[in-house]
Amino acid sequence: MSDAAPDTSSVVAYYDAHPINEQQILHALAANGIALDGLTEEVLKDHDQDHFGGIEANETLIAKAGILRDQRVLDARLLDESGEARAPA
């Protein structure tokens, strides 16, 4: 087993080009006159939700999976060598 860090460049490239990425979100916030200071989840959810059904769908999935507030979840896709998704998130 190698101690070398895994190559994450394809993952980073995928999310940098994703329709909902950091620059797109920052642009949308600025265009709507929303300051980053004091930004809340309630405001941000209107700009960063990528799941059909929005936050309500996420809450339903969280409840069905039994995920607790102090737990962390990785929402990931299996990517091939080119960075294309091979399986749904």
PDB file of N, CA and C in Angstrom:
ATOM      1  N   MET A   1       0.846  -1.187   0.000  1.00  0.00           N
ATOM      2  CA  MET A   1       0.000   0.000   0.000  1.00  0.00           C
ATOM      3  C   MET A   1       0.887   1.244   0.000  1.00  0.00           C
ATOM      4  N   SER A   2       0.550   2.201  -0.798  1.00  0.00           N
ATOM      5  CA  SER A   2       1.351   3.408  -0.936  1.00  0.00           C
ATOM      6  C   SER A   2       0.922   4.468   0.076  1.00  0.00           C
ATOM      7  N   ASP A   3       1.911   5.212   0.565  1.00  0.00           N
ATOM      8  CA  ASP A   3       1.626   6.334   1.467  1.00  0.00           C
ATOM      9  C   ASP A   3       1.365   7.620   0.695  1.00  0.00           C
ATOM     10  N   ALA A   4       1.494   7.565  -0.631  1.00  0.00           N
ATOM     11  CA  ALA A   4       1.292   8.755  -1.455  1.00  0.00           C
ATOM     12  C   ALA A   4      -0.174   9.166  -1.434  1.00  0.00           C
ATOM     13  N   ALA A   5      -0.395  10.464  -1.447  1.00  0.00           N
ATOM     14  CA  ALA A   5      -1.771  10.981  -1.477  1.00  0.00           C
ATOM     15  C   ALA A   5      -2.409  10.616  -2.810  1.00  0.00           C
ATOM     16  N   PRO A   6      -3.697  10.279  -2.804  1.00  0.00           N
ATOM     17  CA  PRO A   6      -4.357   9.938  -4.065  1.00  0.00           C
ATOM     18  C   PRO A   6      -4.452  11.163  -4.974  1.00  0.00           C
ATOM     19  N   ASP A   7      -4.467  10.901  -6.271  1.00  0.00           N
ATOM     20  CA  ASP A   7      -4.613  11.979  -7.251  1.00  0.00           C
ATOM     21  C   ASP A   7      -6.082  12.386  -7.285  1.00  0.00           C
ATOM     22  N   THR A   8      -6.364  13.584  -6.844  1.00  0.00           N
ATOM     23  CA  THR A   8      -7.751  14.083  -6.811  1.00  0.00           C
ATOM     24  C   THR A   8      -8.016  15.108  -7.902  1.00  0.00           C
ATOM     25  N   SER A   9      -7.078  15.257  -8.841  1.00  0.00           N
ATOM     26  CA  SER A   9      -7.219  16.304  -9.851  1.00  0.00           C
ATOM     27  C   SER A   9      -8.485  16.143 -10.692  1.00  0.00           C
ATOM     28  N   SER A  10      -8.889  14.905 -11.006  1.00  0.00           N
ATOM     29  CA  SER A  10     -10.090  14.736 -11.821  1.00  0.00           C
ATOM     30  C   SER A  10     -11.348  15.131 -11.037  1.00  0.00           C
ATOM     31  N   VAL A  11     -11.335  14.894  -9.740  1.00  0.00           N
ATOM     32  CA  VAL A  11     -12.473  15.279  -8.908  1.00  0.00           C
ATOM     33  C   VAL A  11     -12.562  16.797  -8.819  1.00  0.00           C
ATOM     34  N   VAL A  12     -11.427  17.438  -8.570  1.00  0.00           N
ATOM     35  CA  VAL A  12     -11.389  18.900  -8.490  1.00  0.00           C
ATOM     36  C   VAL A  12     -11.826  19.501  -9.819  1.00  0.00           C
ATOM     37  N   ALA A  13     -11.332  18.971 -10.928  1.00  0.00           N
ATOM     38  CA  ALA A  13     -11.693  19.489 -12.250  1.00  0.00           C
ATOM     39  C   ALA A  13     -13.186  19.326 -12.499  1.00  0.00           C
ATOM     40  N   TYR A  14     -13.747  18.196 -12.092  1.00  0.00           N
ATOM     41  CA  TYR A  14     -15.184  17.960 -12.272  1.00  0.00           C
ATOM     42  C   TYR A  14     -16.002  19.036 -11.549  1.00  0.00           C
ATOM     43  N   TYR A  15     -15.678  19.294 -10.292  1.00  0.00           N
ATOM     44  CA  TYR A  15     -16.456  20.269  -9.531  1.00  0.00           C
ATOM     45  C   TYR A  15     -16.141  21.706  -9.919  1.00  0.00           C
ATOM     46  N   ASP A  16     -14.948  21.967 -10.431  1.00  0.00           N
ATOM     47  CA  ASP A  16     -14.652  23.313 -10.932  1.00  0.00           C
ATOM     48  C   ASP A  16     -15.490  23.629 -12.164  1.00  0.00           C
ATOM     49  N   ALA A  17     -15.816  22.606 -12.948  1.00  0.00           N
ATOM     50  CA  ALA A  17     -16.609  22.803 -14.168  1.00  0.00           C
ATOM     51  C   ALA A  17     -18.097  22.561 -13.939  1.00  0.00           C
ATOM     52  N   HIS A  18     -18.451  22.075 -12.781  1.00  0.00           N
ATOM     53  CA  HIS A  18     -19.846  21.761 -12.460  1.00  0.00           C
ATOM     54  C   HIS A  18     -20.688  23.029 -12.527  1.00  0.00           C
ATOM     55  N   PRO A  19     -21.939  22.918 -12.964  1.00  0.00           N
ATOM     56  CA  PRO A  19     -22.789  24.111 -13.057  1.00  0.00           C
ATOM     57  C   PRO A  19     -22.973  24.852 -11.732  1.00  0.00           C
ATOM     58  N   ILE A  20     -22.873  24.150 -10.639  1.00  0.00           N
ATOM     59  CA  ILE A  20     -22.972  24.803  -9.335  1.00  0.00           C
ATOM     60  C   ILE A  20     -21.603  24.664  -8.677  1.00  0.00           C
ATOM     61  N   ASN A  21     -20.778  25.698  -8.852  1.00  0.00           N
ATOM     62  CA  ASN A  21     -19.450  25.681  -8.264  1.00  0.00           C
ATOM     63  C   ASN A  21     -19.248  26.968  -7.473  1.00  0.00           C
ATOM     64  N   GLU A  22     -18.110  27.081  -6.840  1.00  0.00           N
ATOM     65  CA  GLU A  22     -17.857  28.218  -5.956  1.00  0.00           C
ATOM     66  C   GLU A  22     -18.041  29.561  -6.665  1.00  0.00           C
ATOM     67  N   GLN A  23     -17.453  29.708  -7.841  1.00  0.00           N
ATOM     68  CA  GLN A  23     -17.553  30.992  -8.536  1.00  0.00           C
ATOM     69  C   GLN A  23     -18.988  31.312  -8.937  1.00  0.00           C
ATOM     70  N   GLN A  24     -19.726  30.310  -9.381  1.00  0.00           N
ATOM     71  CA  GLN A  24     -21.127  30.520  -9.760  1.00  0.00           C
ATOM     72  C   GLN A  24     -21.948  30.962  -8.551  1.00  0.00           C
ATOM     73  N   ILE A  25     -21.711  30.325  -7.416  1.00  0.00           N
ATOM     74  CA  ILE A  25     -22.443  30.670  -6.196  1.00  0.00           C
ATOM     75  C   ILE A  25     -22.083  32.087  -5.741  1.00  0.00           C
ATOM     76  N   LEU A  26     -20.789  32.406  -5.732  1.00  0.00           N
ATOM     77  CA  LEU A  26     -20.369  33.753  -5.317  1.00  0.00           C
ATOM     78  C   LEU A  26     -20.949  34.814  -6.248  1.00  0.00           C
ATOM     79  N   HIS A  27     -20.971  34.533  -7.549  1.00  0.00           N
ATOM     80  CA  HIS A  27     -21.546  35.472  -8.516  1.00  0.00           C
ATOM     81  C   HIS A  27     -23.038  35.671  -8.249  1.00  0.00           C
ATOM     82  N   ALA A  28     -23.760  34.580  -8.025  1.00  0.00           N
ATOM     83  CA  ALA A  28     -25.197  34.675  -7.767  1.00  0.00           C
ATOM     84  C   ALA A  28     -25.486  35.453  -6.485  1.00  0.00           C
ATOM     85  N   LEU A  29     -24.691  35.222  -5.454  1.00  0.00           N
ATOM     86  CA  LEU A  29     -24.877  35.957  -4.201  1.00  0.00           C
ATOM     87  C   LEU A  29     -24.645  37.451  -4.422  1.00  0.00           C
ATOM     88  N   ALA A  30     -23.551  37.792  -5.118  1.00  0.00           N
ATOM     89  CA  ALA A  30     -23.245  39.200  -5.384  1.00  0.00           C
ATOM     90  C   ALA A  30     -24.335  39.839  -6.247  1.00  0.00           C
ATOM     91  N   ALA A  31     -24.805  39.120  -7.259  1.00  0.00           N
ATOM     92  CA  ALA A  31     -25.834  39.651  -8.151  1.00  0.00           C
ATOM     93  C   ALA A  31     -27.137  39.928  -7.405  1.00  0.00           C
ATOM     94  N   ASN A  32     -27.362  39.182  -6.332  1.00  0.00           N
ATOM     95  CA  ASN A  32     -28.568  39.378  -5.523  1.00  0.00           C
ATOM     96  C   ASN A  32     -28.322  40.279  -4.324  1.00  0.00           C
ATOM     97  N   GLY A  33     -27.123  40.895  -4.251  1.00  0.00           N
ATOM     98  CA  GLY A  33     -26.823  41.819  -3.167  1.00  0.00           C
ATOM     99  C   GLY A  33     -26.676  41.154  -1.812  1.00  0.00           C
ATOM    100  N   ILE A  34     -26.273  39.900  -1.797  1.00  0.00           N
ATOM    101  CA  ILE A  34     -26.143  39.159  -0.542  1.00  0.00           C
ATOM    102  C   ILE A  34     -24.691  39.180  -0.095  1.00  0.00           C
ATOM    103  N   ALA A  35     -24.436  39.746   1.068  1.00  0.00           N
ATOM    104  CA  ALA A  35     -23.084  39.828   1.616  1.00  0.00           C
ATOM    105  C   ALA A  35     -22.667  38.473   2.178  1.00  0.00           C
ATOM    106  N   LEU A  36     -21.370  38.177   2.105  1.00  0.00           N
ATOM    107  CA  LEU A  36     -20.864  36.921   2.645  1.00  0.00           C
ATOM    108  C   LEU A  36     -20.813  36.935   4.163  1.00  0.00           C
ATOM    109  N   ASP A  37     -20.643  38.115   4.751  1.00  0.00           N
ATOM    110  CA  ASP A  37     -20.642  38.219   6.210  1.00  0.00           C
ATOM    111  C   ASP A  37     -22.023  37.875   6.728  1.00  0.00           C
ATOM    112  N   GLY A  38     -22.069  36.930   7.632  1.00  0.00           N
ATOM    113  CA  GLY A  38     -23.346  36.552   8.217  1.00  0.00           C
ATOM    114  C   GLY A  38     -24.196  35.671   7.326  1.00  0.00           C
ATOM    115  N   LEU A  39     -23.612  35.112   6.267  1.00  0.00           N
ATOM    116  CA  LEU A  39     -24.347  34.230   5.360  1.00  0.00           C
ATOM    117  C   LEU A  39     -24.884  33.045   6.146  1.00  0.00           C
ATOM    118  N   THR A  40     -26.147  32.718   5.937  1.00  0.00           N
ATOM    119  CA  THR A  40     -26.769  31.612   6.671  1.00  0.00           C
ATOM    120  C   THR A  40     -27.098  30.467   5.717  1.00  0.00           C
ATOM    121  N   GLU A  41     -27.315  29.297   6.282  1.00  0.00           N
ATOM    122  CA  GLU A  41     -27.727  28.130   5.498  1.00  0.00           C
ATOM    123  C   GLU A  41     -29.042  28.424   4.777  1.00  0.00           C
ATOM    124  N   GLU A  42     -29.941  29.126   5.430  1.00  0.00           N
ATOM    125  CA  GLU A  42     -31.243  29.448   4.840  1.00  0.00           C
ATOM    126  C   GLU A  42     -31.082  30.238   3.544  1.00  0.00           C
ATOM    127  N   VAL A  43     -30.161  31.184   3.517  1.00  0.00           N
ATOM    128  CA  VAL A  43     -29.912  31.976   2.304  1.00  0.00           C
ATOM    129  C   VAL A  43     -29.129  31.148   1.293  1.00  0.00           C
ATOM    130  N   LEU A  44     -28.106  30.455   1.744  1.00  0.00           N
ATOM    131  CA  LEU A  44     -27.226  29.713   0.849  1.00  0.00           C
ATOM    132  C   LEU A  44     -27.939  28.570   0.132  1.00  0.00           C
ATOM    133  N   LYS A  45     -28.915  27.962   0.778  1.00  0.00           N
ATOM    134  CA  LYS A  45     -29.594  26.815   0.167  1.00  0.00           C
ATOM    135  C   LYS A  45     -30.272  27.165  -1.147  1.00  0.00           C
ATOM    136  N   ASP A  46     -30.612  28.421  -1.343  1.00  0.00           N
ATOM    137  CA  ASP A  46     -31.245  28.832  -2.600  1.00  0.00           C
ATOM    138  C   ASP A  46     -30.248  28.918  -3.745  1.00  0.00           C
ATOM    139  N   HIS A  47     -28.956  28.815  -3.431  1.00  0.00           N
ATOM    140  CA  HIS A  47     -27.921  28.986  -4.451  1.00  0.00           C
ATOM    141  C   HIS A  47     -27.029  27.772  -4.642  1.00  0.00           C
ATOM    142  N   ASP A  48     -27.058  26.819  -3.715  1.00  0.00           N
ATOM    143  CA  ASP A  48     -26.108  25.711  -3.842  1.00  0.00           C
ATOM    144  C   ASP A  48     -26.740  24.330  -3.874  1.00  0.00           C
ATOM    145  N   GLN A  49     -28.035  24.228  -3.907  1.00  0.00           N
ATOM    146  CA  GLN A  49     -28.671  22.918  -3.934  1.00  0.00           C
ATOM    147  C   GLN A  49     -28.616  22.327  -5.333  1.00  0.00           C
ATOM    148  N   ASP A  50     -28.078  21.127  -5.427  1.00  0.00           N
ATOM    149  CA  ASP A  50     -27.913  20.441  -6.696  1.00  0.00           C
ATOM    150  C   ASP A  50     -28.802  19.201  -6.772  1.00  0.00           C
ATOM    151  N   HIS A  51     -29.573  18.957  -5.750  1.00  0.00           N
ATOM    152  CA  HIS A  51     -30.393  17.750  -5.710  1.00  0.00           C
ATOM    153  C   HIS A  51     -31.837  18.088  -6.051  1.00  0.00           C
ATOM    154  N   PHE A  52     -32.439  17.246  -6.882  1.00  0.00           N
ATOM    155  CA  PHE A  52     -33.851  17.440  -7.178  1.00  0.00           C
ATOM    156  C   PHE A  52     -34.629  17.378  -5.866  1.00  0.00           C
ATOM    157  N   GLY A  53     -35.532  18.308  -5.673  1.00  0.00           N
ATOM    158  CA  GLY A  53     -36.303  18.346  -4.443  1.00  0.00           C
ATOM    159  C   GLY A  53     -35.679  19.241  -3.386  1.00  0.00           C
ATOM    160  N   GLY A  54     -34.473  19.768  -3.666  1.00  0.00           N
ATOM    161  CA  GLY A  54     -33.842  20.727  -2.767  1.00  0.00           C
ATOM    162  C   GLY A  54     -33.598  20.193  -1.374  1.00  0.00           C
ATOM    163  N   ILE A  55     -33.596  21.107  -0.427  1.00  0.00           N
ATOM    164  CA  ILE A  55     -33.272  20.772   0.960  1.00  0.00           C
ATOM    165  C   ILE A  55     -34.272  19.783   1.552  1.00  0.00           C
ATOM    166  N   GLU A  56     -35.523  19.866   1.120  1.00  0.00           N
ATOM    167  CA  GLU A  56     -36.528  18.938   1.639  1.00  0.00           C
ATOM    168  C   GLU A  56     -36.186  17.501   1.270  1.00  0.00           C
ATOM    169  N   ALA A  57     -35.707  17.279   0.044  1.00  0.00           N
ATOM    170  CA  ALA A  57     -35.305  15.931  -0.367  1.00  0.00           C
ATOM    171  C   ALA A  57     -34.128  15.449   0.463  1.00  0.00           C
ATOM    172  N   ASN A  58     -33.177  16.345   0.721  1.00  0.00           N
ATOM    173  CA  ASN A  58     -32.034  15.977   1.558  1.00  0.00           C
ATOM    174  C   ASN A  58     -32.485  15.612   2.962  1.00  0.00           C
ATOM    175  N   GLU A  59     -33.396  16.387   3.513  1.00  0.00           N
ATOM    176  CA  GLU A  59     -33.883  16.101   4.871  1.00  0.00           C
ATOM    177  C   GLU A  59     -34.588  14.753   4.929  1.00  0.00           C
ATOM    178  N   THR A  60     -35.337  14.420   3.893  1.00  0.00           N
ATOM    179  CA  THR A  60     -36.012  13.123   3.836  1.00  0.00           C
ATOM    180  C   THR A  60     -34.992  11.991   3.782  1.00  0.00           C
ATOM    181  N   LEU A  61     -33.982  12.139   2.939  1.00  0.00           N
ATOM    182  CA  LEU A  61     -32.939  11.117   2.838  1.00  0.00           C
ATOM    183  C   LEU A  61     -32.173  10.967   4.146  1.00  0.00           C
ATOM    184  N   ILE A  62     -31.880  12.084   4.796  1.00  0.00           N
ATOM    185  CA  ILE A  62     -31.178  12.057   6.086  1.00  0.00           C
ATOM    186  C   ILE A  62     -31.994  11.289   7.117  1.00  0.00           C
ATOM    187  N   ALA A  63     -33.288  11.574   7.170  1.00  0.00           N
ATOM    188  CA  ALA A  63     -34.160  10.893   8.130  1.00  0.00           C
ATOM    189  C   ALA A  63     -34.235   9.394   7.836  1.00  0.00           C
ATOM    190  N   LYS A  64     -34.407   9.037   6.561  1.00  0.00           N
ATOM    191  CA  LYS A  64     -34.508   7.620   6.191  1.00  0.00           C
ATOM    192  C   LYS A  64     -33.216   6.861   6.475  1.00  0.00           C
ATOM    193  N   ALA A  65     -32.071   7.537   6.332  1.00  0.00           N
ATOM    194  CA  ALA A  65     -30.781   6.899   6.579  1.00  0.00           C
ATOM    195  C   ALA A  65     -30.420   6.888   8.060  1.00  0.00           C
ATOM    196  N   GLY A  66     -31.154   7.636   8.867  1.00  0.00           N
ATOM    197  CA  GLY A  66     -30.869   7.679  10.297  1.00  0.00           C
ATOM    198  C   GLY A  66     -29.615   8.468  10.642  1.00  0.00           C
ATOM    199  N   ILE A  67     -29.278   9.427   9.804  1.00  0.00           N
ATOM    200  CA  ILE A  67     -28.075  10.228  10.036  1.00  0.00           C
ATOM    201  C   ILE A  67     -28.356  11.263  11.118  1.00  0.00           C
ATOM    202  N   LEU A  68     -27.466  11.346  12.090  1.00  0.00           N
ATOM    203  CA  LEU A  68     -27.620  12.275  13.201  1.00  0.00           C
ATOM    204  C   LEU A  68     -26.845  13.561  12.935  1.00  0.00           C
ATOM    205  N   ARG A  69     -27.222  14.637  13.600  1.00  0.00           N
ATOM    206  CA  ARG A  69     -26.628  15.956  13.379  1.00  0.00           C
ATOM    207  C   ARG A  69     -25.109  15.960  13.549  1.00  0.00           C
ATOM    208  N   ASP A  70     -24.580  15.173  14.473  1.00  0.00           N
ATOM    209  CA  ASP A  70     -23.139  15.205  14.718  1.00  0.00           C
ATOM    210  C   ASP A  70     -22.356  14.256  13.814  1.00  0.00           C
ATOM    211  N   GLN A  71     -23.024  13.617  12.880  1.00  0.00           N
ATOM    212  CA  GLN A  71     -22.357  12.723  11.944  1.00  0.00           C
ATOM    213  C   GLN A  71     -22.043  13.457  10.645  1.00  0.00           C
ATOM    214  N   ARG A  72     -21.071  12.947   9.908  1.00  0.00           N
ATOM    215  CA  ARG A  72     -20.694  13.523   8.616  1.00  0.00           C
ATOM    216  C   ARG A  72     -20.980  12.515   7.522  1.00  0.00           C
ATOM    217  N   VAL A  73     -21.339  13.043   6.348  1.00  0.00           N
ATOM    218  CA  VAL A  73     -21.655  12.196   5.206  1.00  0.00           C
ATOM    219  C   VAL A  73     -20.912  12.729   3.987  1.00  0.00           C
ATOM    220  N   LEU A  74     -20.322  11.823   3.235  1.00  0.00           N
ATOM    221  CA  LEU A  74     -19.681  12.195   1.987  1.00  0.00           C
ATOM    222  C   LEU A  74     -20.664  11.929   0.854  1.00  0.00           C
ATOM    223  N   ASP A  75     -21.004  12.965   0.117  1.00  0.00           N
ATOM    224  CA  ASP A  75     -21.878  12.868  -1.052  1.00  0.00           C
ATOM    225  C   ASP A  75     -20.958  12.843  -2.260  1.00  0.00           C
ATOM    226  N   ALA A  76     -20.730  11.671  -2.814  1.00  0.00           N
ATOM    227  CA  ALA A  76     -19.728  11.540  -3.877  1.00  0.00           C
ATOM    228  C   ALA A  76     -20.270  10.704  -5.027  1.00  0.00           C
ATOM    229  N   ARG A  77     -19.615  10.846  -6.154  1.00  0.00           N
ATOM    230  CA  ARG A  77     -19.910  10.041  -7.331  1.00  0.00           C
ATOM    231  C   ARG A  77     -18.665   9.234  -7.668  1.00  0.00           C
ATOM    232  N   LEU A  78     -18.890   8.088  -8.263  1.00  0.00           N
ATOM    233  CA  LEU A  78     -17.772   7.321  -8.786  1.00  0.00           C
ATOM    234  C   LEU A  78     -17.400   7.940 -10.120  1.00  0.00           C
ATOM    235  N   LEU A  79     -16.148   8.350 -10.258  1.00  0.00           N
ATOM    236  CA  LEU A  79     -15.695   8.994 -11.485  1.00  0.00           C
ATOM    237  C   LEU A  79     -14.734   8.075 -12.213  1.00  0.00           C
ATOM    238  N   ASP A  80     -14.809   8.091 -13.555  1.00  0.00           N
ATOM    239  CA  ASP A  80     -13.817   7.347 -14.316  1.00  0.00           C
ATOM    240  C   ASP A  80     -12.559   8.195 -14.457  1.00  0.00           C
ATOM    241  N   GLU A  81     -11.595   7.716 -15.199  1.00  0.00           N
ATOM    242  CA  GLU A  81     -10.312   8.407 -15.309  1.00  0.00           C
ATOM    243  C   GLU A  81     -10.434   9.810 -15.901  1.00  0.00           C
ATOM    244  N   SER A  82     -11.491  10.050 -16.707  1.00  0.00           N
ATOM    245  CA  SER A  82     -11.664  11.365 -17.326  1.00  0.00           C
ATOM    246  C   SER A  82     -12.412  12.335 -16.422  1.00  0.00           C
ATOM    247  N   GLY A  83     -12.912  11.842 -15.282  1.00  0.00           N
ATOM    248  CA  GLY A  83     -13.676  12.702 -14.388  1.00  0.00           C
ATOM    249  C   GLY A  83     -15.173  12.621 -14.619  1.00  0.00           C
ATOM    250  N   GLU A  84     -15.603  11.780 -15.568  1.00  0.00           N
ATOM    251  CA  GLU A  84     -17.036  11.617 -15.841  1.00  0.00           C
ATOM    252  C   GLU A  84     -17.661  10.690 -14.789  1.00  0.00           C
ATOM    253  N   ALA A  85     -18.891  10.995 -14.407  1.00  0.00           N
ATOM    254  CA  ALA A  85     -19.585  10.175 -13.418  1.00  0.00           C
ATOM    255  C   ALA A  85     -19.929   8.816 -14.013  1.00  0.00           C
ATOM    256  N   ARG A  86     -19.661   7.754 -13.253  1.00  0.00           N
ATOM    257  CA  ARG A  86     -20.025   6.406 -13.659  1.00  0.00           C
ATOM    258  C   ARG A  86     -21.256   5.922 -12.916  1.00  0.00           C
ATOM    259  N   ALA A  87     -21.588   6.566 -11.813  1.00  0.00           N
ATOM    260  CA  ALA A  87     -22.730   6.130 -11.008  1.00  0.00           C
ATOM    261  C   ALA A  87     -23.348   7.362 -10.365  1.00  0.00           C
ATOM    262  N   PRO A  88     -24.644   7.331 -10.137  1.00  0.00           N
ATOM    263  CA  PRO A  88     -25.280   8.494  -9.511  1.00  0.00           C
ATOM    264  C   PRO A  88     -24.805   8.709  -8.090  1.00  0.00           C
ATOM    265  N   ALA A  89     -24.884   9.968  -7.637  1.00  0.00           N
ATOM    266  CA  ALA A  89     -24.490  10.300  -6.265  1.00  0.00           C
ATOM    267  C   ALA A  89     -25.518   9.767  -5.306  1.00  0.00           C
TER     268      ALA A  89
END
